[in-house]
């Protein structure tokens, strides 16, 4: 049973979940956590990685809202000469 001294969800649990990712780009994201929400900030090169970041954190939410503020920044395409 949780008490005021020991909340059921550690403020570091979502950050810990993300830091365990085998993908370096996900470990560089920034998290902001409080009792109501977890917010993810940063830049990633694909929507797939953005989704992976979200999925990595989901088990640690414990009923809190997830706000994914990650911006996808794709590398510019280089035109190849004929």
PDB file of N, CA and C in Angstrom:
ATOM      1  N   UNK A   1       0.842  -1.185   0.000  1.00  0.00           N
ATOM      2  CA  UNK A   1       0.000   0.000   0.000  1.00  0.00           C
ATOM      3  C   UNK A   1       0.882   1.240   0.000  1.00  0.00           C
ATOM      4  N   UNK A   2       0.561   2.195  -0.838  1.00  0.00           N
ATOM      5  CA  UNK A   2       1.368   3.411  -0.955  1.00  0.00           C
ATOM      6  C   UNK A   2       0.997   4.411   0.125  1.00  0.00           C
ATOM      7  N   UNK A   3       2.002   5.129   0.590  1.00  0.00           N
ATOM      8  CA  UNK A   3       1.766   6.192   1.566  1.00  0.00           C
ATOM      9  C   UNK A   3       2.259   7.492   0.975  1.00  0.00           C
ATOM     10  N   UNK A   4       2.016   8.591   1.660  1.00  0.00           N
ATOM     11  CA  UNK A   4       2.478   9.897   1.191  1.00  0.00           C
ATOM     12  C   UNK A   4       4.003   9.935   1.113  1.00  0.00           C
ATOM     13  N   UNK A   5       4.662   9.202   2.007  1.00  0.00           N
ATOM     14  CA  UNK A   5       6.122   9.180   2.010  1.00  0.00           C
ATOM     15  C   UNK A   5       6.677   8.346   0.858  1.00  0.00           C
ATOM     16  N   UNK A   6       5.931   7.361   0.390  1.00  0.00           N
ATOM     17  CA  UNK A   6       6.393   6.464  -0.656  1.00  0.00           C
ATOM     18  C   UNK A   6       5.348   6.386  -1.757  1.00  0.00           C
ATOM     19  N   UNK A   7       5.360   7.339  -2.680  1.00  0.00           N
ATOM     20  CA  UNK A   7       4.372   7.326  -3.750  1.00  0.00           C
ATOM     21  C   UNK A   7       4.520   6.062  -4.588  1.00  0.00           C
ATOM     22  N   UNK A   8       3.421   5.573  -5.204  1.00  0.00           N
ATOM     23  CA  UNK A   8       3.496   4.335  -5.968  1.00  0.00           C
ATOM     24  C   UNK A   8       4.370   4.434  -7.208  1.00  0.00           C
ATOM     25  N   UNK A   9       4.639   5.638  -7.702  1.00  0.00           N
ATOM     26  CA  UNK A   9       5.435   5.803  -8.921  1.00  0.00           C
ATOM     27  C   UNK A   9       6.581   6.757  -8.642  1.00  0.00           C
ATOM     28  N   UNK A  10       7.769   6.222  -8.683  1.00  0.00           N
ATOM     29  CA  UNK A  10       8.943   7.042  -8.460  1.00  0.00           C
ATOM     30  C   UNK A  10       9.062   8.077  -9.570  1.00  0.00           C
ATOM     31  N   UNK A  11       9.433   9.339  -9.238  1.00  0.00           N
ATOM     32  CA  UNK A  11       9.588  10.352 -10.282  1.00  0.00           C
ATOM     33  C   UNK A  11      10.663   9.991 -11.301  1.00  0.00           C
ATOM     34  N   UNK A  12      11.533   9.066 -10.987  1.00  0.00           N
ATOM     35  CA  UNK A  12      12.594   8.690 -11.907  1.00  0.00           C
ATOM     36  C   UNK A  12      12.235   7.455 -12.727  1.00  0.00           C
ATOM     37  N   UNK A  13      11.102   6.830 -12.495  1.00  0.00           N
ATOM     38  CA  UNK A  13      10.811   5.570 -13.153  1.00  0.00           C
ATOM     39  C   UNK A  13      10.707   5.692 -14.671  1.00  0.00           C
ATOM     40  N   UNK A  14      10.061   6.729 -15.183  1.00  0.00           N
ATOM     41  CA  UNK A  14       9.944   6.904 -16.635  1.00  0.00           C
ATOM     42  C   UNK A  14      11.315   7.229 -17.236  1.00  0.00           C
ATOM     43  N   UNK A  15      12.082   8.065 -16.572  1.00  0.00           N
ATOM     44  CA  UNK A  15      13.424   8.402 -17.049  1.00  0.00           C
ATOM     45  C   UNK A  15      14.294   7.147 -17.070  1.00  0.00           C
ATOM     46  N   UNK A  16      14.175   6.336 -16.045  1.00  0.00           N
ATOM     47  CA  UNK A  16      14.944   5.096 -15.984  1.00  0.00           C
ATOM     48  C   UNK A  16      14.563   4.173 -17.140  1.00  0.00           C
ATOM     49  N   UNK A  17      13.281   4.077 -17.424  1.00  0.00           N
ATOM     50  CA  UNK A  17      12.818   3.229 -18.524  1.00  0.00           C
ATOM     51  C   UNK A  17      13.417   3.688 -19.856  1.00  0.00           C
ATOM     52  N   UNK A  18      13.449   4.986 -20.078  1.00  0.00           N
ATOM     53  CA  UNK A  18      14.003   5.507 -21.325  1.00  0.00           C
ATOM     54  C   UNK A  18      15.515   5.307 -21.389  1.00  0.00           C
ATOM     55  N   UNK A  19      16.200   5.477 -20.264  1.00  0.00           N
ATOM     56  CA  UNK A  19      17.663   5.330 -20.236  1.00  0.00           C
ATOM     57  C   UNK A  19      18.097   3.888 -20.472  1.00  0.00           C
ATOM     58  N   UNK A  20      17.186   2.936 -20.307  1.00  0.00           N
ATOM     59  CA  UNK A  20      17.501   1.529 -20.535  1.00  0.00           C
ATOM     60  C   UNK A  20      17.406   1.138 -22.010  1.00  0.00           C
ATOM     61  N   UNK A  21      16.965   2.053 -22.856  1.00  0.00           N
ATOM     62  CA  UNK A  21      16.808   1.751 -24.277  1.00  0.00           C
ATOM     63  C   UNK A  21      18.153   1.437 -24.909  1.00  0.00           C
ATOM     64  N   UNK A  22      18.187   0.443 -25.799  1.00  0.00           N
ATOM     65  CA  UNK A  22      19.425   0.150 -26.513  1.00  0.00           C
ATOM     66  C   UNK A  22      19.699   1.145 -27.649  1.00  0.00           C
ATOM     67  N   UNK A  23      18.781   2.085 -27.872  1.00  0.00           N
ATOM     68  CA  UNK A  23      18.918   3.061 -28.959  1.00  0.00           C
ATOM     69  C   UNK A  23      19.465   4.370 -28.393  1.00  0.00           C
ATOM     70  N   UNK A  24      20.690   4.753 -28.744  1.00  0.00           N
ATOM     71  CA  UNK A  24      21.315   5.955 -28.178  1.00  0.00           C
ATOM     72  C   UNK A  24      20.473   7.224 -28.339  1.00  0.00           C
ATOM     73  N   UNK A  25      19.815   7.402 -29.465  1.00  0.00           N
ATOM     74  CA  UNK A  25      19.030   8.613 -29.691  1.00  0.00           C
ATOM     75  C   UNK A  25      17.911   8.756 -28.660  1.00  0.00           C
ATOM     76  N   UNK A  26      17.336   7.641 -28.214  1.00  0.00           N
ATOM     77  CA  UNK A  26      16.266   7.702 -27.208  1.00  0.00           C
ATOM     78  C   UNK A  26      16.819   8.073 -25.840  1.00  0.00           C
ATOM     79  N   UNK A  27      18.020   7.645 -25.551  1.00  0.00           N
ATOM     80  CA  UNK A  27      18.623   7.963 -24.246  1.00  0.00           C
ATOM     81  C   UNK A  27      18.970   9.438 -24.127  1.00  0.00           C
ATOM     82  N   UNK A  28      19.048  10.158 -25.265  1.00  0.00           N
ATOM     83  CA  UNK A  28      19.365  11.593 -25.238  1.00  0.00           C
ATOM     84  C   UNK A  28      18.127  12.477 -25.068  1.00  0.00           C
ATOM     85  N   UNK A  29      16.941  11.900 -25.098  1.00  0.00           N
ATOM     86  CA  UNK A  29      15.727  12.703 -24.926  1.00  0.00           C
ATOM     87  C   UNK A  29      15.634  13.213 -23.495  1.00  0.00           C
ATOM     88  N   UNK A  30      14.890  14.285 -23.314  1.00  0.00           N
ATOM     89  CA  UNK A  30      14.713  14.902 -22.001  1.00  0.00           C
ATOM     90  C   UNK A  30      13.295  14.620 -21.518  1.00  0.00           C
ATOM     91  N   UNK A  31      13.175  14.265 -20.243  1.00  0.00           N
ATOM     92  CA  UNK A  31      11.864  14.025 -19.647  1.00  0.00           C
ATOM     93  C   UNK A  31      11.589  15.031 -18.555  1.00  0.00           C
ATOM     94  N   UNK A  32      10.347  15.425 -18.469  1.00  0.00           N
ATOM     95  CA  UNK A  32       9.856  16.257 -17.384  1.00  0.00           C
ATOM     96  C   UNK A  32       8.728  15.461 -16.749  1.00  0.00           C
ATOM     97  N   UNK A  33       8.827  15.204 -15.439  1.00  0.00           N
ATOM     98  CA  UNK A  33       7.833  14.379 -14.770  1.00  0.00           C
ATOM     99  C   UNK A  33       7.244  15.078 -13.566  1.00  0.00           C
ATOM    100  N   UNK A  34       5.971  14.810 -13.327  1.00  0.00           N
ATOM    101  CA  UNK A  34       5.333  15.211 -12.083  1.00  0.00           C
ATOM    102  C   UNK A  34       4.255  14.187 -11.769  1.00  0.00           C
ATOM    103  N   UNK A  35       3.436  14.451 -10.779  1.00  0.00           N
ATOM    104  CA  UNK A  35       2.409  13.496 -10.354  1.00  0.00           C
ATOM    105  C   UNK A  35       1.359  13.246 -11.429  1.00  0.00           C
ATOM    106  N   UNK A  36       1.119  14.229 -12.301  1.00  0.00           N
ATOM    107  CA  UNK A  36       0.045  14.121 -13.290  1.00  0.00           C
ATOM    108  C   UNK A  36       0.503  13.680 -14.676  1.00  0.00           C
ATOM    109  N   UNK A  37       1.741  14.001 -15.054  1.00  0.00           N
ATOM    110  CA  UNK A  37       2.144  13.766 -16.443  1.00  0.00           C
ATOM    111  C   UNK A  37       3.642  13.528 -16.585  1.00  0.00           C
ATOM    112  N   UNK A  38       3.983  12.917 -17.714  1.00  0.00           N
ATOM    113  CA  UNK A  38       5.370  12.760 -18.160  1.00  0.00           C
ATOM    114  C   UNK A  38       5.433  13.404 -19.542  1.00  0.00           C
ATOM    115  N   UNK A  39       6.372  14.330 -19.735  1.00  0.00           N
ATOM    116  CA  UNK A  39       6.523  15.020 -21.007  1.00  0.00           C
ATOM    117  C   UNK A  39       7.891  14.662 -21.583  1.00  0.00           C
ATOM    118  N   UNK A  40       7.894  14.244 -22.858  1.00  0.00           N
ATOM    119  CA  UNK A  40       9.135  13.898 -23.554  1.00  0.00           C
ATOM    120  C   UNK A  40       9.488  15.051 -24.492  1.00  0.00           C
ATOM    121  N   UNK A  41      10.748  15.512 -24.434  1.00  0.00           N
ATOM    122  CA  UNK A  41      11.238  16.575 -25.310  1.00  0.00           C
ATOM    123  C   UNK A  41      12.479  16.099 -26.050  1.00  0.00           C
ATOM    124  N   UNK A  42      12.701  16.639 -27.215  1.00  0.00           N
ATOM    125  CA  UNK A  42      13.915  16.363 -27.956  1.00  0.00           C
ATOM    126  C   UNK A  42      13.655  16.288 -29.443  1.00  0.00           C
ATOM    127  N   UNK A  43      14.667  15.853 -30.167  1.00  0.00           N
ATOM    128  CA  UNK A  43      14.594  15.722 -31.621  1.00  0.00           C
ATOM    129  C   UNK A  43      15.026  14.314 -32.005  1.00  0.00           C
ATOM    130  N   UNK A  44      14.296  13.727 -32.945  1.00  0.00           N
ATOM    131  CA  UNK A  44      14.639  12.410 -33.466  1.00  0.00           C
ATOM    132  C   UNK A  44      14.534  12.430 -34.987  1.00  0.00           C
ATOM    133  N   UNK A  45      15.233  11.522 -35.679  1.00  0.00           N
ATOM    134  CA  UNK A  45      15.218  11.534 -37.141  1.00  0.00           C
ATOM    135  C   UNK A  45      14.028  10.809 -37.779  1.00  0.00           C
ATOM    136  N   UNK A  46      13.158  10.153 -36.979  1.00  0.00           N
ATOM    137  CA  UNK A  46      12.027   9.440 -37.591  1.00  0.00           C
ATOM    138  C   UNK A  46      10.846   9.345 -36.631  1.00  0.00           C
ATOM    139  N   UNK A  47       9.673   9.190 -37.229  1.00  0.00           N
ATOM    140  CA  UNK A  47       8.464   8.983 -36.429  1.00  0.00           C
ATOM    141  C   UNK A  47       8.503   7.621 -35.743  1.00  0.00           C
ATOM    142  N   UNK A  48       9.170   6.678 -36.351  1.00  0.00           N
ATOM    143  CA  UNK A  48       9.326   5.360 -35.742  1.00  0.00           C
ATOM    144  C   UNK A  48      10.053   5.471 -34.394  1.00  0.00           C
ATOM    145  N   UNK A  49      11.155   6.217 -34.351  1.00  0.00           N
ATOM    146  CA  UNK A  49      11.884   6.395 -33.097  1.00  0.00           C
ATOM    147  C   UNK A  49      11.053   7.165 -32.078  1.00  0.00           C
ATOM    148  N   UNK A  50      10.268   8.123 -32.542  1.00  0.00           N
ATOM    149  CA  UNK A  50       9.373   8.862 -31.647  1.00  0.00           C
ATOM    150  C   UNK A  50       8.388   7.899 -30.982  1.00  0.00           C
ATOM    151  N   UNK A  51       7.856   6.988 -31.763  1.00  0.00           N
ATOM    152  CA  UNK A  51       6.930   5.993 -31.224  1.00  0.00           C
ATOM    153  C   UNK A  51       7.638   5.044 -30.261  1.00  0.00           C
ATOM    154  N   UNK A  52       8.857   4.631 -30.595  1.00  0.00           N
ATOM    155  CA  UNK A  52       9.616   3.759 -29.698  1.00  0.00           C
ATOM    156  C   UNK A  52       9.876   4.423 -28.346  1.00  0.00           C
ATOM    157  N   UNK A  53      10.165   5.714 -28.363  1.00  0.00           N
ATOM    158  CA  UNK A  53      10.381   6.450 -27.116  1.00  0.00           C
ATOM    159  C   UNK A  53       9.116   6.412 -26.267  1.00  0.00           C
ATOM    160  N   UNK A  54       8.006   6.652 -26.902  1.00  0.00           N
ATOM    161  CA  UNK A  54       6.726   6.643 -26.195  1.00  0.00           C
ATOM    162  C   UNK A  54       6.445   5.253 -25.618  1.00  0.00           C
ATOM    163  N   UNK A  55       6.669   4.222 -26.407  1.00  0.00           N
ATOM    164  CA  UNK A  55       6.419   2.857 -25.954  1.00  0.00           C
ATOM    165  C   UNK A  55       7.342   2.461 -24.798  1.00  0.00           C
ATOM    166  N   UNK A  56       8.569   2.960 -24.796  1.00  0.00           N
ATOM    167  CA  UNK A  56       9.507   2.647 -23.718  1.00  0.00           C
ATOM    168  C   UNK A  56       9.031   3.207 -22.384  1.00  0.00           C
ATOM    169  N   UNK A  57       8.340   4.334 -22.425  1.00  0.00           N
ATOM    170  CA  UNK A  57       7.910   5.013 -21.210  1.00  0.00           C
ATOM    171  C   UNK A  57       6.553   4.532 -20.705  1.00  0.00           C
ATOM    172  N   UNK A  58       5.720   4.024 -21.602  1.00  0.00           N
ATOM    173  CA  UNK A  58       4.349   3.658 -21.247  1.00  0.00           C
ATOM    174  C   UNK A  58       4.237   2.800 -19.978  1.00  0.00           C
ATOM    175  N   UNK A  59       5.058   1.760 -19.797  1.00  0.00           N
ATOM    176  CA  UNK A  59       4.900   0.941 -18.590  1.00  0.00           C
ATOM    177  C   UNK A  59       5.173   1.689 -17.288  1.00  0.00           C
ATOM    178  N   UNK A  60       5.904   2.794 -17.353  1.00  0.00           N
ATOM    179  CA  UNK A  60       6.267   3.545 -16.154  1.00  0.00           C
ATOM    180  C   UNK A  60       5.308   4.699 -15.857  1.00  0.00           C
ATOM    181  N   UNK A  61       4.273   4.878 -16.664  1.00  0.00           N
ATOM    182  CA  UNK A  61       3.360   6.012 -16.472  1.00  0.00           C
ATOM    183  C   UNK A  61       2.529   5.887 -15.201  1.00  0.00           C
ATOM    184  N   UNK A  62       2.087   4.711 -14.891  1.00  0.00           N
ATOM    185  CA  UNK A  62       1.300   4.515 -13.677  1.00  0.00           C
ATOM    186  C   UNK A  62       0.068   5.402 -13.604  1.00  0.00           C
ATOM    187  N   UNK A  63      -0.642   5.547 -14.704  1.00  0.00           N
ATOM    188  CA  UNK A  63      -1.851   6.359 -14.699  1.00  0.00           C
ATOM    189  C   UNK A  63      -1.634   7.820 -15.056  1.00  0.00           C
ATOM    190  N   UNK A  64      -0.374   8.233 -15.167  1.00  0.00           N
ATOM    191  CA  UNK A  64      -0.103   9.611 -15.549  1.00  0.00           C
ATOM    192  C   UNK A  64      -0.296   9.797 -17.045  1.00  0.00           C
ATOM    193  N   UNK A  65      -0.528  11.023 -17.460  1.00  0.00           N
ATOM    194  CA  UNK A  65      -0.671  11.356 -18.875  1.00  0.00           C
ATOM    195  C   UNK A  65       0.707  11.418 -19.522  1.00  0.00           C
ATOM    196  N   UNK A  66       0.793  10.975 -20.774  1.00  0.00           N
ATOM    197  CA  UNK A  66       2.032  11.087 -21.543  1.00  0.00           C
ATOM    198  C   UNK A  66       1.863  12.171 -22.589  1.00  0.00           C
ATOM    199  N   UNK A  67       2.766  13.131 -22.594  1.00  0.00           N
ATOM    200  CA  UNK A  67       2.773  14.208 -23.588  1.00  0.00           C
ATOM    201  C   UNK A  67       4.068  14.088 -24.380  1.00  0.00           C
ATOM    202  N   UNK A  68       3.937  13.687 -25.633  1.00  0.00           N
ATOM    203  CA  UNK A  68       5.099  13.465 -26.484  1.00  0.00           C
ATOM    204  C   UNK A  68       5.360  14.723 -27.304  1.00  0.00           C
ATOM    205  N   UNK A  69       6.349  15.509 -26.893  1.00  0.00           N
ATOM    206  CA  UNK A  69       6.708  16.761 -27.558  1.00  0.00           C
ATOM    207  C   UNK A  69       7.964  16.605 -28.417  1.00  0.00           C
ATOM    208  N   UNK A  70       8.298  15.373 -28.759  1.00  0.00           N
ATOM    209  CA  UNK A  70       9.471  15.109 -29.594  1.00  0.00           C
ATOM    210  C   UNK A  70       9.195  15.628 -31.002  1.00  0.00           C
ATOM    211  N   UNK A  71      10.183  16.306 -31.580  1.00  0.00           N
ATOM    212  CA  UNK A  71      10.083  16.842 -32.935  1.00  0.00           C
ATOM    213  C   UNK A  71      10.888  15.939 -33.864  1.00  0.00           C
ATOM    214  N   UNK A  72      10.271  15.540 -34.956  1.00  0.00           N
ATOM    215  CA  UNK A  72      10.970  14.716 -35.944  1.00  0.00           C
ATOM    216  C   UNK A  72      11.650  15.641 -36.945  1.00  0.00           C
ATOM    217  N   UNK A  73      12.970  15.508 -37.039  1.00  0.00           N
ATOM    218  CA  UNK A  73      13.776  16.332 -37.936  1.00  0.00           C
ATOM    219  C   UNK A  73      14.508  15.377 -38.869  1.00  0.00           C
ATOM    220  N   UNK A  74      14.044  15.327 -40.074  1.00  0.00           N
ATOM    221  CA  UNK A  74      14.656  14.428 -41.054  1.00  0.00           C
ATOM    222  C   UNK A  74      15.864  15.092 -41.692  1.00  0.00           C
ATOM    223  N   UNK A  75      16.870  14.284 -41.981  1.00  0.00           N
ATOM    224  CA  UNK A  75      18.060  14.788 -42.666  1.00  0.00           C
ATOM    225  C   UNK A  75      17.674  15.186 -44.082  1.00  0.00           C
ATOM    226  N   UNK A  76      18.226  16.270 -44.602  1.00  0.00           N
ATOM    227  CA  UNK A  76      17.895  16.676 -45.973  1.00  0.00           C
ATOM    228  C   UNK A  76      18.336  15.624 -46.983  1.00  0.00           C
ATOM    229  N   UNK A  77      17.526  15.455 -47.998  1.00  0.00           N
ATOM    230  CA  UNK A  77      17.850  14.515 -49.079  1.00  0.00           C
ATOM    231  C   UNK A  77      18.919  15.129 -49.969  1.00  0.00           C
ATOM    232  N   UNK A  78      19.883  14.346 -50.345  1.00  0.00           N
ATOM    233  CA  UNK A  78      20.954  14.812 -51.224  1.00  0.00           C
ATOM    234  C   UNK A  78      20.646  14.315 -52.632  1.00  0.00           C
ATOM    235  N   UNK A  79      20.594  15.234 -53.573  1.00  0.00           N
ATOM    236  CA  UNK A  79      20.344  14.859 -54.972  1.00  0.00           C
ATOM    237  C   UNK A  79      21.628  14.280 -55.562  1.00  0.00           C
ATOM    238  N   UNK A  80      21.479  13.160 -56.218  1.00  0.00           N
ATOM    239  CA  UNK A  80      22.641  12.549 -56.857  1.00  0.00           C
ATOM    240  C   UNK A  80      22.735  13.006 -58.298  1.00  0.00           C
ATOM    241  N   UNK A  81      23.914  13.343 -58.728  1.00  0.00           N
ATOM    242  CA  UNK A  81      24.125  13.778 -60.117  1.00  0.00           C
ATOM    243  C   UNK A  81      24.066  12.577 -61.047  1.00  0.00           C
ATOM    244  N   UNK A  82      23.541  12.785 -62.247  1.00  0.00           N
ATOM    245  CA  UNK A  82      23.473  11.714 -63.246  1.00  0.00           C
ATOM    246  C   UNK A  82      24.825  11.420 -63.811  1.00  0.00           C
TER     247      UNK A  82
END
